[in-house]
Amino acid sequence: MPVPLHFYRQGYLDKAIDLLNKVKADYPEPAYIDELMGQIYYENGKIDLSIQNYKRAISKMPPLIFVSFWSCTVSRCKKTHLIP
Protein backbone atom coordinates (compact mmCIF):
# COMPACT_ATOMS: atom_id res chain seq x y z
CA MET A 1 0.00 0.00 0.00
CA PRO A 2 1.34 3.47 -0.84
CA VAL A 3 2.22 5.58 2.16
CA PRO A 4 0.27 8.89 2.30
CA LEU A 5 3.07 10.68 4.12
CA HIS A 6 5.50 9.83 1.32
CA PHE A 7 3.23 11.47 -1.25
CA TYR A 8 2.80 14.50 0.97
CA ARG A 9 6.55 14.94 1.41
CA GLN A 10 6.99 14.69 -2.36
CA GLY A 11 4.49 17.52 -2.83
CA TYR A 12 1.47 15.47 -3.89
CA LEU A 13 -1.05 16.92 -1.43
CA ASP A 14 -4.16 15.65 -3.23
CA LYS A 15 -2.78 12.11 -3.52
CA ALA A 16 -1.82 12.06 0.17
CA ILE A 17 -5.26 13.29 1.26
CA ASP A 18 -6.98 10.81 -1.07
CA LEU A 19 -5.04 7.91 0.44
CA LEU A 20 -5.71 9.13 3.98
CA ASN A 21 -9.44 9.27 3.21
CA LYS A 22 -9.28 5.68 1.97
CA VAL A 23 -7.49 4.56 5.13
CA LYS A 24 -9.99 6.48 7.25
CA ALA A 25 -12.88 4.74 5.47
CA ASP A 26 -11.51 1.38 6.63
CA TYR A 27 -10.26 2.57 10.04
CA PRO A 28 -12.36 5.55 11.18
CA GLU A 29 -11.41 5.50 14.86
CA PRO A 30 -7.72 6.45 15.03
CA ALA A 31 -7.43 10.16 15.78
CA TYR A 32 -3.97 10.38 14.25
CA ILE A 33 -5.40 10.08 10.72
CA ASP A 34 -7.55 13.16 11.25
CA GLU A 35 -4.65 14.89 12.99
CA LEU A 36 -2.30 14.17 10.08
CA MET A 37 -4.85 15.47 7.59
CA GLY A 38 -5.25 18.57 9.74
CA GLN A 39 -1.50 19.09 9.78
CA ILE A 40 -1.19 18.64 6.01
CA TYR A 41 -3.97 21.14 5.36
CA TYR A 42 -2.50 23.57 7.90
CA GLU A 43 0.96 23.48 6.36
CA ASN A 44 -0.59 24.19 2.96
CA GLY A 45 -2.66 27.17 4.08
CA LYS A 46 -6.02 25.38 4.00
CA ILE A 47 -6.89 26.49 7.50
CA ASP A 48 -10.64 25.79 7.45
CA LEU A 49 -10.09 22.21 6.27
CA SER A 50 -7.36 21.86 8.86
CA ILE A 51 -9.68 22.96 11.65
CA GLN A 52 -12.39 20.51 10.52
CA ASN A 53 -9.94 17.62 10.74
CA TYR A 54 -8.50 18.74 14.07
CA LYS A 55 -12.03 18.95 15.50
CA ARG A 56 -12.66 15.34 14.48
CA ALA A 57 -9.34 14.30 15.99
CA ILE A 58 -10.05 16.16 19.22
CA SER A 59 -13.41 14.44 19.57
CA LYS A 60 -11.56 11.11 19.45
CA MET A 61 -8.53 11.96 21.61
CA PRO A 62 -8.74 15.47 23.11
CA PRO A 63 -5.62 15.97 25.23
CA LEU A 64 -3.01 15.04 22.64
CA ILE A 65 -4.31 17.06 19.71
CA PHE A 66 -5.77 20.16 21.30
CA VAL A 67 -2.55 22.20 21.03
CA SER A 68 -2.34 21.66 17.25
CA PHE A 69 -5.98 22.62 16.84
CA TRP A 70 -5.46 25.78 18.89
CA SER A 71 -2.42 26.76 16.82
CA CYS A 72 -4.41 26.32 13.63
CA THR A 73 -7.33 28.37 15.00
CA VAL A 74 -5.00 31.19 16.03
CA SER A 75 -3.46 31.13 12.55
CA ARG A 76 -6.90 31.54 10.94
CA CYS A 77 -7.67 34.45 13.25
CA LYS A 78 -4.38 36.11 12.32
CA LYS A 79 -5.02 35.51 8.63
CA THR A 80 -8.43 37.18 8.87
CA HIS A 81 -7.03 39.94 11.13
CA LEU A 82 -9.24 38.99 14.06
CA ILE A 83 -6.15 39.10 16.26
CA PRO A 84 -2.87 40.96 15.70
PDB file of N, CA and C in Angstrom:
ATOM      1  N   MET A   1       0.836  -1.188   0.000  1.00  0.00           N
ATOM      2  CA  MET A   1       0.000   0.000   0.000  1.00  0.00           C
ATOM      3  C   MET A   1       0.885   1.257   0.000  1.00  0.00           C
ATOM      4  N   PRO A   2       0.572   2.216  -0.848  1.00  0.00           N
ATOM      5  CA  PRO A   2       1.338   3.470  -0.837  1.00  0.00           C
ATOM      6  C   PRO A   2       1.184   4.193   0.500  1.00  0.00           C
ATOM      7  N   VAL A   3       2.212   4.880   0.877  1.00  0.00           N
ATOM      8  CA  VAL A   3       2.215   5.584   2.156  1.00  0.00           C
ATOM      9  C   VAL A   3       1.831   7.048   1.919  1.00  0.00           C
ATOM     10  N   PRO A   4       0.720   7.509   2.512  1.00  0.00           N
ATOM     11  CA  PRO A   4       0.275   8.888   2.295  1.00  0.00           C
ATOM     12  C   PRO A   4       1.327   9.938   2.644  1.00  0.00           C
ATOM     13  N   LEU A   5       2.071   9.708   3.706  1.00  0.00           N
ATOM     14  CA  LEU A   5       3.067  10.683   4.123  1.00  0.00           C
ATOM     15  C   LEU A   5       4.167  10.845   3.066  1.00  0.00           C
ATOM     16  N   HIS A   6       4.506   9.757   2.398  1.00  0.00           N
ATOM     17  CA  HIS A   6       5.500   9.829   1.319  1.00  0.00           C
ATOM     18  C   HIS A   6       5.021  10.771   0.210  1.00  0.00           C
ATOM     19  N   PHE A   7       3.773  10.609  -0.200  1.00  0.00           N
ATOM     20  CA  PHE A   7       3.231  11.474  -1.248  1.00  0.00           C
ATOM     21  C   PHE A   7       3.199  12.928  -0.794  1.00  0.00           C
ATOM     22  N   TYR A   8       2.837  13.138   0.450  1.00  0.00           N
ATOM     23  CA  TYR A   8       2.799  14.502   0.968  1.00  0.00           C
ATOM     24  C   TYR A   8       4.188  15.136   0.931  1.00  0.00           C
ATOM     25  N   ARG A   9       5.174  14.412   1.383  1.00  0.00           N
ATOM     26  CA  ARG A   9       6.553  14.943   1.409  1.00  0.00           C
ATOM     27  C   ARG A   9       7.103  15.188   0.003  1.00  0.00           C
ATOM     28  N   GLN A  10       6.566  14.483  -0.980  1.00  0.00           N
ATOM     29  CA  GLN A  10       6.992  14.686  -2.362  1.00  0.00           C
ATOM     30  C   GLN A  10       6.200  15.812  -3.037  1.00  0.00           C
ATOM     31  N   GLY A  11       5.251  16.399  -2.300  1.00  0.00           N
ATOM     32  CA  GLY A  11       4.492  17.523  -2.834  1.00  0.00           C
ATOM     33  C   GLY A  11       3.167  17.160  -3.482  1.00  0.00           C
ATOM     34  N   TYR A  12       2.738  15.917  -3.313  1.00  0.00           N
ATOM     35  CA  TYR A  12       1.472  15.474  -3.892  1.00  0.00           C
ATOM     36  C   TYR A  12       0.370  15.512  -2.831  1.00  0.00           C
ATOM     37  N   LEU A  13      -0.063  16.719  -2.491  1.00  0.00           N
ATOM     38  CA  LEU A  13      -1.051  16.921  -1.435  1.00  0.00           C
ATOM     39  C   LEU A  13      -2.339  16.161  -1.711  1.00  0.00           C
ATOM     40  N   ASP A  14      -2.885  16.299  -2.910  1.00  0.00           N
ATOM     41  CA  ASP A  14      -4.162  15.649  -3.231  1.00  0.00           C
ATOM     42  C   ASP A  14      -4.073  14.130  -3.128  1.00  0.00           C
ATOM     43  N   LYS A  15      -2.959  13.561  -3.590  1.00  0.00           N
ATOM     44  CA  LYS A  15      -2.780  12.108  -3.521  1.00  0.00           C
ATOM     45  C   LYS A  15      -2.677  11.645  -2.062  1.00  0.00           C
ATOM     46  N   ALA A  16      -1.958  12.406  -1.248  1.00  0.00           N
ATOM     47  CA  ALA A  16      -1.824  12.062   0.168  1.00  0.00           C
ATOM     48  C   ALA A  16      -3.180  12.104   0.870  1.00  0.00           C
ATOM     49  N   ILE A  17      -3.941  13.159   0.633  1.00  0.00           N
ATOM     50  CA  ILE A  17      -5.260  13.286   1.261  1.00  0.00           C
ATOM     51  C   ILE A  17      -6.192  12.191   0.774  1.00  0.00           C
ATOM     52  N   ASP A  18      -6.141  11.880  -0.518  1.00  0.00           N
ATOM     53  CA  ASP A  18      -6.984  10.815  -1.073  1.00  0.00           C
ATOM     54  C   ASP A  18      -6.687   9.480  -0.387  1.00  0.00           C
ATOM     55  N   LEU A  19      -5.410   9.164  -0.227  1.00  0.00           N
ATOM     56  CA  LEU A  19      -5.041   7.913   0.440  1.00  0.00           C
ATOM     57  C   LEU A  19      -5.452   7.912   1.910  1.00  0.00           C
ATOM     58  N   LEU A  20      -5.290   9.045   2.581  1.00  0.00           N
ATOM     59  CA  LEU A  20      -5.709   9.125   3.985  1.00  0.00           C
ATOM     60  C   LEU A  20      -7.219   8.935   4.118  1.00  0.00           C
ATOM     61  N   ASN A  21      -7.987   9.481   3.190  1.00  0.00           N
ATOM     62  CA  ASN A  21      -9.441   9.274   3.210  1.00  0.00           C
ATOM     63  C   ASN A  21      -9.795   7.806   3.020  1.00  0.00           C
ATOM     64  N   LYS A  22      -9.041   7.111   2.168  1.00  0.00           N
ATOM     65  CA  LYS A  22      -9.282   5.680   1.969  1.00  0.00           C
ATOM     66  C   LYS A  22      -8.952   4.888   3.234  1.00  0.00           C
ATOM     67  N   VAL A  23      -7.847   5.229   3.874  1.00  0.00           N
ATOM     68  CA  VAL A  23      -7.487   4.561   5.128  1.00  0.00           C
ATOM     69  C   VAL A  23      -8.547   4.848   6.182  1.00  0.00           C
ATOM     70  N   LYS A  24      -8.987   6.099   6.257  1.00  0.00           N
ATOM     71  CA  LYS A  24      -9.988   6.483   7.252  1.00  0.00           C
ATOM     72  C   LYS A  24     -11.316   5.767   7.016  1.00  0.00           C
ATOM     73  N   ALA A  25     -11.645   5.467   5.765  1.00  0.00           N
ATOM     74  CA  ALA A  25     -12.879   4.737   5.470  1.00  0.00           C
ATOM     75  C   ALA A  25     -12.839   3.332   6.072  1.00  0.00           C
ATOM     76  N   ASP A  26     -11.657   2.729   6.065  1.00  0.00           N
ATOM     77  CA  ASP A  26     -11.507   1.379   6.629  1.00  0.00           C
ATOM     78  C   ASP A  26     -11.263   1.398   8.135  1.00  0.00           C
ATOM     79  N   TYR A  27     -10.614   2.457   8.625  1.00  0.00           N
ATOM     80  CA  TYR A  27     -10.256   2.571  10.043  1.00  0.00           C
ATOM     81  C   TYR A  27     -10.638   3.962  10.558  1.00  0.00           C
ATOM     82  N   PRO A  28     -11.910   4.196  10.823  1.00  0.00           N
ATOM     83  CA  PRO A  28     -12.358   5.552  11.177  1.00  0.00           C
ATOM     84  C   PRO A  28     -11.997   6.015  12.586  1.00  0.00           C
ATOM     85  N   GLU A  29     -11.611   5.120  13.463  1.00  0.00           N
ATOM     86  CA  GLU A  29     -11.408   5.498  14.858  1.00  0.00           C
ATOM     87  C   GLU A  29     -10.090   6.196  15.193  1.00  0.00           C
ATOM     88  N   PRO A  30      -8.975   5.821  14.596  1.00  0.00           N
ATOM     89  CA  PRO A  30      -7.717   6.451  15.030  1.00  0.00           C
ATOM     90  C   PRO A  30      -7.693   7.968  14.793  1.00  0.00           C
ATOM     91  N   ALA A  31      -7.464   8.690  15.856  1.00  0.00           N
ATOM     92  CA  ALA A  31      -7.435  10.157  15.776  1.00  0.00           C
ATOM     93  C   ALA A  31      -6.242  10.662  14.982  1.00  0.00           C
ATOM     94  N   TYR A  32      -5.165   9.888  14.926  1.00  0.00           N
ATOM     95  CA  TYR A  32      -3.973  10.383  14.253  1.00  0.00           C
ATOM     96  C   TYR A  32      -4.178  10.586  12.754  1.00  0.00           C
ATOM     97  N   ILE A  33      -5.127   9.868  12.141  1.00  0.00           N
ATOM     98  CA  ILE A  33      -5.401  10.080  10.718  1.00  0.00           C
ATOM     99  C   ILE A  33      -5.993  11.474  10.511  1.00  0.00           C
ATOM    100  N   ASP A  34      -6.968  11.826  11.335  1.00  0.00           N
ATOM    101  CA  ASP A  34      -7.554  13.164  11.254  1.00  0.00           C
ATOM    102  C   ASP A  34      -6.522  14.227  11.612  1.00  0.00           C
ATOM    103  N   GLU A  35      -5.676  13.932  12.588  1.00  0.00           N
ATOM    104  CA  GLU A  35      -4.649  14.892  12.992  1.00  0.00           C
ATOM    105  C   GLU A  35      -3.648  15.117  11.864  1.00  0.00           C
ATOM    106  N   LEU A  36      -3.238  14.043  11.193  1.00  0.00           N
ATOM    107  CA  LEU A  36      -2.300  14.166  10.078  1.00  0.00           C
ATOM    108  C   LEU A  36      -2.916  14.962   8.935  1.00  0.00           C
ATOM    109  N   MET A  37      -4.182  14.697   8.640  1.00  0.00           N
ATOM    110  CA  MET A  37      -4.854  15.470   7.594  1.00  0.00           C
ATOM    111  C   MET A  37      -4.936  16.945   7.992  1.00  0.00           C
ATOM    112  N   GLY A  38      -5.225  17.198   9.257  1.00  0.00           N
ATOM    113  CA  GLY A  38      -5.253  18.573   9.740  1.00  0.00           C
ATOM    114  C   GLY A  38      -3.908  19.252   9.584  1.00  0.00           C
ATOM    115  N   GLN A  39      -2.839  18.528   9.897  1.00  0.00           N
ATOM    116  CA  GLN A  39      -1.500  19.093   9.776  1.00  0.00           C
ATOM    117  C   GLN A  39      -1.142  19.372   8.317  1.00  0.00           C
ATOM    118  N   ILE A  40      -1.473  18.447   7.432  1.00  0.00           N
ATOM    119  CA  ILE A  40      -1.188  18.642   6.009  1.00  0.00           C
ATOM    120  C   ILE A  40      -1.927  19.871   5.482  1.00  0.00           C
ATOM    121  N   TYR A  41      -3.201  19.970   5.811  1.00  0.00           N
ATOM    122  CA  TYR A  41      -3.970  21.138   5.363  1.00  0.00           C
ATOM    123  C   TYR A  41      -3.401  22.427   5.963  1.00  0.00           C
ATOM    124  N   TYR A  42      -3.048  22.393   7.225  1.00  0.00           N
ATOM    125  CA  TYR A  42      -2.502  23.575   7.904  1.00  0.00           C
ATOM    126  C   TYR A  42      -1.213  24.052   7.226  1.00  0.00           C
ATOM    127  N   GLU A  43      -0.318  23.124   6.965  1.00  0.00           N
ATOM    128  CA  GLU A  43       0.959  23.480   6.364  1.00  0.00           C
ATOM    129  C   GLU A  43       0.815  23.981   4.930  1.00  0.00           C
ATOM    130  N   ASN A  44      -0.352  23.742   4.328  1.00  0.00           N
ATOM    131  CA  ASN A  44      -0.590  24.188   2.961  1.00  0.00           C
ATOM    132  C   ASN A  44      -1.591  25.336   2.893  1.00  0.00           C
ATOM    133  N   GLY A  45      -1.828  25.976   4.045  1.00  0.00           N
ATOM    134  CA  GLY A  45      -2.657  27.172   4.079  1.00  0.00           C
ATOM    135  C   GLY A  45      -4.145  26.934   3.965  1.00  0.00           C
ATOM    136  N   LYS A  46      -4.581  25.700   4.076  1.00  0.00           N
ATOM    137  CA  LYS A  46      -6.015  25.385   4.002  1.00  0.00           C
ATOM    138  C   LYS A  46      -6.544  25.273   5.428  1.00  0.00           C
ATOM    139  N   ILE A  47      -6.620  26.423   6.069  1.00  0.00           N
ATOM    140  CA  ILE A  47      -6.886  26.488   7.501  1.00  0.00           C
ATOM    141  C   ILE A  47      -8.262  25.942   7.865  1.00  0.00           C
ATOM    142  N   ASP A  48      -9.296  26.282   7.110  1.00  0.00           N
ATOM    143  CA  ASP A  48     -10.636  25.793   7.448  1.00  0.00           C
ATOM    144  C   ASP A  48     -10.716  24.267   7.389  1.00  0.00           C
ATOM    145  N   LEU A  49     -10.114  23.670   6.353  1.00  0.00           N
ATOM    146  CA  LEU A  49     -10.087  22.205   6.273  1.00  0.00           C
ATOM    147  C   LEU A  49      -9.258  21.618   7.403  1.00  0.00           C
ATOM    148  N   SER A  50      -8.194  22.307   7.749  1.00  0.00           N
ATOM    149  CA  SER A  50      -7.361  21.864   8.861  1.00  0.00           C
ATOM    150  C   SER A  50      -8.165  21.818  10.151  1.00  0.00           C
ATOM    151  N   ILE A  51      -8.884  22.879  10.417  1.00  0.00           N
ATOM    152  CA  ILE A  51      -9.681  22.962  11.652  1.00  0.00           C
ATOM    153  C   ILE A  51     -10.733  21.865  11.690  1.00  0.00           C
ATOM    154  N   GLN A  52     -11.385  21.580  10.562  1.00  0.00           N
ATOM    155  CA  GLN A  52     -12.389  20.511  10.522  1.00  0.00           C
ATOM    156  C   GLN A  52     -11.771  19.173  10.938  1.00  0.00           C
ATOM    157  N   ASN A  53     -10.590  18.887  10.410  1.00  0.00           N
ATOM    158  CA  ASN A  53      -9.939  17.619  10.738  1.00  0.00           C
ATOM    159  C   ASN A  53      -9.454  17.584  12.172  1.00  0.00           C
ATOM    160  N   TYR A  54      -8.921  18.693  12.663  1.00  0.00           N
ATOM    161  CA  TYR A  54      -8.498  18.736  14.066  1.00  0.00           C
ATOM    162  C   TYR A  54      -9.692  18.566  15.005  1.00  0.00           C
ATOM    163  N   LYS A  55     -10.836  19.130  14.660  1.00  0.00           N
ATOM    164  CA  LYS A  55     -12.030  18.955  15.501  1.00  0.00           C
ATOM    165  C   LYS A  55     -12.413  17.483  15.593  1.00  0.00           C
ATOM    166  N   ARG A  56     -12.359  16.784  14.455  1.00  0.00           N
ATOM    167  CA  ARG A  56     -12.656  15.343  14.482  1.00  0.00           C
ATOM    168  C   ARG A  56     -11.642  14.602  15.343  1.00  0.00           C
ATOM    169  N   ALA A  57     -10.390  14.959  15.201  1.00  0.00           N
ATOM    170  CA  ALA A  57      -9.340  14.298  15.988  1.00  0.00           C
ATOM    171  C   ALA A  57      -9.528  14.564  17.476  1.00  0.00           C
ATOM    172  N   ILE A  58      -9.839  15.799  17.819  1.00  0.00           N
ATOM    173  CA  ILE A  58     -10.047  16.157  19.225  1.00  0.00           C
ATOM    174  C   ILE A  58     -11.203  15.376  19.823  1.00  0.00           C
ATOM    175  N   SER A  59     -12.258  15.183  19.042  1.00  0.00           N
ATOM    176  CA  SER A  59     -13.407  14.445  19.573  1.00  0.00           C
ATOM    177  C   SER A  59     -13.056  12.988  19.866  1.00  0.00           C
ATOM    178  N   LYS A  60     -11.985  12.492  19.233  1.00  0.00           N
ATOM    179  CA  LYS A  60     -11.565  11.109  19.454  1.00  0.00           C
ATOM    180  C   LYS A  60     -10.486  10.986  20.523  1.00  0.00           C
ATOM    181  N   MET A  61      -9.637  12.025  20.675  1.00  0.00           N
ATOM    182  CA  MET A  61      -8.526  11.960  21.606  1.00  0.00           C
ATOM    183  C   MET A  61      -8.120  13.382  22.015  1.00  0.00           C
ATOM    184  N   PRO A  62      -8.932  14.052  22.812  1.00  0.00           N
ATOM    185  CA  PRO A  62      -8.740  15.472  23.113  1.00  0.00           C
ATOM    186  C   PRO A  62      -7.385  15.922  23.628  1.00  0.00           C
ATOM    187  N   PRO A  63      -6.807  15.354  24.640  1.00  0.00           N
ATOM    188  CA  PRO A  63      -5.622  15.972  25.231  1.00  0.00           C
ATOM    189  C   PRO A  63      -4.406  16.064  24.309  1.00  0.00           C
ATOM    190  N   LEU A  64      -4.225  15.079  23.437  1.00  0.00           N
ATOM    191  CA  LEU A  64      -3.008  15.040  22.642  1.00  0.00           C
ATOM    192  C   LEU A  64      -3.032  15.944  21.415  1.00  0.00           C
ATOM    193  N   ILE A  65      -4.205  16.342  20.974  1.00  0.00           N
ATOM    194  CA  ILE A  65      -4.313  17.060  19.715  1.00  0.00           C
ATOM    195  C   ILE A  65      -4.766  18.500  19.905  1.00  0.00           C
ATOM    196  N   PHE A  66      -5.216  18.838  21.074  1.00  0.00           N
ATOM    197  CA  PHE A  66      -5.775  20.164  21.302  1.00  0.00           C
ATOM    198  C   PHE A  66      -4.801  21.293  20.967  1.00  0.00           C
ATOM    199  N   VAL A  67      -3.530  21.140  21.276  1.00  0.00           N
ATOM    200  CA  VAL A  67      -2.549  22.198  21.026  1.00  0.00           C
ATOM    201  C   VAL A  67      -2.436  22.486  19.530  1.00  0.00           C
ATOM    202  N   SER A  68      -2.409  21.457  18.698  1.00  0.00           N
ATOM    203  CA  SER A  68      -2.338  21.659  17.249  1.00  0.00           C
ATOM    204  C   SER A  68      -3.582  22.374  16.738  1.00  0.00           C
ATOM    205  N   PHE A  69      -4.731  21.966  17.236  1.00  0.00           N
ATOM    206  CA  PHE A  69      -5.980  22.624  16.841  1.00  0.00           C
ATOM    207  C   PHE A  69      -5.953  24.100  17.232  1.00  0.00           C
ATOM    208  N   TRP A  70      -5.511  24.398  18.432  1.00  0.00           N
ATOM    209  CA  TRP A  70      -5.463  25.783  18.892  1.00  0.00           C
ATOM    210  C   TRP A  70      -4.520  26.610  18.025  1.00  0.00           C
ATOM    211  N   SER A  71      -3.381  26.062  17.684  1.00  0.00           N
ATOM    212  CA  SER A  71      -2.421  26.756  16.824  1.00  0.00           C
ATOM    213  C   SER A  71      -3.041  27.076  15.471  1.00  0.00           C
ATOM    214  N   CYS A  72      -3.754  26.141  14.923  1.00  0.00           N
ATOM    215  CA  CYS A  72      -4.413  26.317  13.634  1.00  0.00           C
ATOM    216  C   CYS A  72      -5.500  27.390  13.730  1.00  0.00           C
ATOM    217  N   THR A  73      -6.268  27.378  14.799  1.00  0.00           N
ATOM    218  CA  THR A  73      -7.327  28.367  15.000  1.00  0.00           C
ATOM    219  C   THR A  73      -6.737  29.764  15.129  1.00  0.00           C
ATOM    220  N   VAL A  74      -5.662  29.889  15.875  1.00  0.00           N
ATOM    221  CA  VAL A  74      -4.999  31.189  16.027  1.00  0.00           C
ATOM    222  C   VAL A  74      -4.494  31.674  14.671  1.00  0.00           C
ATOM    223  N   SER A  75      -3.952  30.769  13.878  1.00  0.00           N
ATOM    224  CA  SER A  75      -3.456  31.126  12.554  1.00  0.00           C
ATOM    225  C   SER A  75      -4.579  31.681  11.682  1.00  0.00           C
ATOM    226  N   ARG A  76      -5.755  31.054  11.724  1.00  0.00           N
ATOM    227  CA  ARG A  76      -6.897  31.539  10.941  1.00  0.00           C
ATOM    228  C   ARG A  76      -7.293  32.925  11.412  1.00  0.00           C
ATOM    229  N   CYS A  77      -7.307  33.135  12.714  1.00  0.00           N
ATOM    230  CA  CYS A  77      -7.675  34.448  13.247  1.00  0.00           C
ATOM    231  C   CYS A  77      -6.667  35.510  12.808  1.00  0.00           C
ATOM    232  N   LYS A  78      -5.397  35.163  12.777  1.00  0.00           N
ATOM    233  CA  LYS A  78      -4.380  36.112  12.323  1.00  0.00           C
ATOM    234  C   LYS A  78      -4.552  36.402  10.834  1.00  0.00           C
ATOM    235  N   LYS A  79      -4.859  35.372  10.076  1.00  0.00           N
ATOM    236  CA  LYS A  79      -5.023  35.510   8.632  1.00  0.00           C
ATOM    237  C   LYS A  79      -6.202  36.434   8.309  1.00  0.00           C
ATOM    238  N   THR A  80      -7.244  36.362   9.099  1.00  0.00           N
ATOM    239  CA  THR A  80      -8.425  37.179   8.871  1.00  0.00           C
ATOM    240  C   THR A  80      -8.394  38.462   9.699  1.00  0.00           C
ATOM    241  N   HIS A  81      -7.257  38.723  10.348  1.00  0.00           N
ATOM    242  CA  HIS A  81      -7.025  39.938  11.126  1.00  0.00           C
ATOM    243  C   HIS A  81      -7.968  40.081  12.330  1.00  0.00           C
ATOM    244  N   LEU A  82      -8.425  38.937  12.857  1.00  0.00           N
ATOM    245  CA  LEU A  82      -9.239  38.988  14.063  1.00  0.00           C
ATOM    246  C   LEU A  82      -8.387  39.216  15.292  1.00  0.00           C
ATOM    247  N   ILE A  83      -7.110  38.813  15.195  1.00  0.00           N
ATOM    248  CA  ILE A  83      -6.155  39.097  16.261  1.00  0.00           C
ATOM    249  C   ILE A  83      -4.870  39.587  15.603  1.00  0.00           C
ATOM    250  N   PRO A  84      -4.106  40.434  16.306  1.00  0.00           N
ATOM    251  CA  PRO A  84      -2.867  40.959  15.700  1.00  0.00           C
ATOM    252  C   PRO A  84      -1.789  39.913  15.577  1.00  0.00           C
TER     253      PRO A  84
END
